[in-house]
C-alpha atoms as a PDB file:
ATOM      1  CA  MET A   1     -22.108 153.279-172.139  1.00  0.00           C
ATOM      2  CA  GLU A   2     -19.627 153.488-175.012  1.00  0.00           C
ATOM      3  CA  GLU A   3     -22.044 155.713-176.965  1.00  0.00           C
ATOM      4  CA  TYR A   4     -22.158 158.142-174.030  1.00  0.00           C
ATOM      5  CA  ARG A   5     -18.359 158.273-173.797  1.00  0.00           C
ATOM      6  CA  ASP A   6     -18.100 159.045-177.510  1.00  0.00           C
ATOM      7  CA  ALA A   7     -20.699 161.825-177.181  1.00  0.00           C
ATOM      8  CA  VAL A   8     -18.846 163.658-174.394  1.00  0.00           C
ATOM      9  CA  ARG A   9     -15.261 163.006-175.481  1.00  0.00           C
ATOM     10  CA  GLY A  10     -13.487 166.267-176.279  1.00  0.00           C
ATOM     11  CA  ARG A  11     -16.370 168.373-174.953  1.00  0.00           C
ATOM     12  CA  GLU A  12     -15.679 170.980-172.274  1.00  0.00           C
ATOM     13  CA  VAL A  13     -18.183 171.048-169.423  1.00  0.00           C
ATOM     14  CA  SER A  14     -18.141 173.710-166.726  1.00  0.00           C
ATOM     15  CA  LEU A  15     -18.392 172.731-163.071  1.00  0.00           C
ATOM     16  CA  VAL A  16     -21.639 174.697-162.699  1.00  0.00           C
ATOM     17  CA  ASP A  17     -23.275 172.780-165.567  1.00  0.00           C
ATOM     18  CA  LEU A  18     -22.118 169.476-164.119  1.00  0.00           C
ATOM     19  CA  LEU A  19     -23.404 170.348-160.643  1.00  0.00           C
ATOM     20  CA  ASP A  20     -26.723 171.570-162.064  1.00  0.00           C
ATOM     21  CA  ARG A  21     -27.224 168.332-163.951  1.00  0.00           C
ATOM     22  CA  LEU A  22     -26.160 166.211-160.990  1.00  0.00           C
ATOM     23  CA  LEU A  23     -28.556 167.914-158.566  1.00  0.00           C
ATOM     24  CA  GLY A  24     -31.348 168.037-161.148  1.00  0.00           C
ATOM     25  CA  THR A  25     -31.339 164.297-161.724  1.00  0.00           C
ATOM     26  CA  GLY A  26     -29.907 163.149-158.387  1.00  0.00           C
ATOM     27  CA  ALA A  27     -27.103 160.737-157.634  1.00  0.00           C
ATOM     28  CA  VAL A  28     -26.295 158.076-155.081  1.00  0.00           C
ATOM     29  CA  VAL A  29     -22.799 157.918-153.604  1.00  0.00           C
ATOM     30  CA  SER A  30     -21.774 154.777-151.740  1.00  0.00           C
ATOM     31  CA  GLY A  31     -18.569 153.439-150.307  1.00  0.00           C
ATOM     32  CA  SER A  32     -17.095 151.102-147.759  1.00  0.00           C
ATOM     33  CA  LEU A  33     -13.980 151.278-145.583  1.00  0.00           C
ATOM     34  CA  THR A  34     -12.580 148.394-143.541  1.00  0.00           C
ATOM     35  CA  LEU A  35      -9.692 148.717-141.113  1.00  0.00           C
ATOM     36  CA  GLY A  36      -7.947 145.569-139.965  1.00  0.00           C
ATOM     37  CA  ILE A  37      -4.718 144.116-138.628  1.00  0.00           C
ATOM     38  CA  ALA A  38      -3.206 140.800-139.701  1.00  0.00           C
ATOM     39  CA  GLY A  39      -6.258 139.842-141.740  1.00  0.00           C
ATOM     40  CA  VAL A  40      -8.708 140.512-138.888  1.00  0.00           C
ATOM     41  CA  ASP A  41     -11.339 143.176-139.600  1.00  0.00           C
ATOM     42  CA  LEU A  42     -11.582 145.600-136.675  1.00  0.00           C
ATOM     43  CA  VAL A  43     -13.697 148.510-137.954  1.00  0.00           C
ATOM     44  CA  ARG A  44     -16.062 148.694-140.900  1.00  0.00           C
ATOM     45  CA  VAL A  45     -17.715 151.912-142.106  1.00  0.00           C
ATOM     46  CA  ASP A  46     -20.356 151.963-144.847  1.00  0.00           C
ATOM     47  CA  LEU A  47     -21.525 155.186-146.476  1.00  0.00           C
ATOM     48  CA  ARG A  48     -24.560 155.819-148.631  1.00  0.00           C
ATOM     49  CA  ALA A  49     -25.641 159.329-149.544  1.00  0.00           C
ATOM     50  CA  LEU A  50     -28.324 160.691-151.851  1.00  0.00           C
ATOM     51  CA  LEU A  51     -27.579 164.000-153.585  1.00  0.00           C
ATOM     52  CA  SER A  52     -30.606 165.756-155.027  1.00  0.00           C
ATOM     53  CA  SER A  53     -32.207 169.163-155.230  1.00  0.00           C
ATOM     54  CA  VAL A  54     -35.552 170.049-153.655  1.00  0.00           C
ATOM     55  CA  ASN A  55     -38.028 172.205-155.561  1.00  0.00           C
ATOM     56  CA  ASP A  56     -41.748 172.302-156.425  1.00  0.00           C
ATOM     57  CA  GLY A  57     -41.402 169.210-158.625  1.00  0.00           C
ATOM     58  CA  VAL A  58     -39.439 167.316-155.961  1.00  0.00           C
ATOM     59  CA  PRO A  59     -40.772 168.265-152.533  1.00  0.00           C
ATOM     60  CA  SER A  60     -38.804 167.995-149.313  1.00  0.00           C
ATOM     61  CA  PRO A  61     -38.961 164.540-147.682  1.00  0.00           C
ATOM     62  CA  TRP A  62     -39.335 166.091-144.197  1.00  0.00           C
ATOM     63  CA  ARG A  63     -42.637 166.976-142.635  1.00  0.00           C
ATOM     64  CA  GLY A  64     -43.406 170.659-143.133  1.00  0.00           C
ATOM     65  CA  GLY A  65     -40.786 171.002-145.884  1.00  0.00           C
ATOM     66  CA  GLY A  66     -38.333 172.906-143.700  1.00  0.00           C
ATOM     67  CA  PRO A  67     -34.752 172.073-142.848  1.00  0.00           C
ATOM     68  CA  LEU A  68     -33.903 169.564-140.137  1.00  0.00           C
END
């Protein structure tokens, strides 16, 4: 990981290039939120999302290939 940080340190990257790379390779975003009072958990929300592009090399996961 340290090698990667050294390679990109001081390098300017445009938002379009970053988004293109992110969607080209895909990414998983996950998180958790817990609401509670006095140490008692009342509500818990978990989030997991997959960000990826769909093209000829990566077909749509839905039947027929169309949108939901």
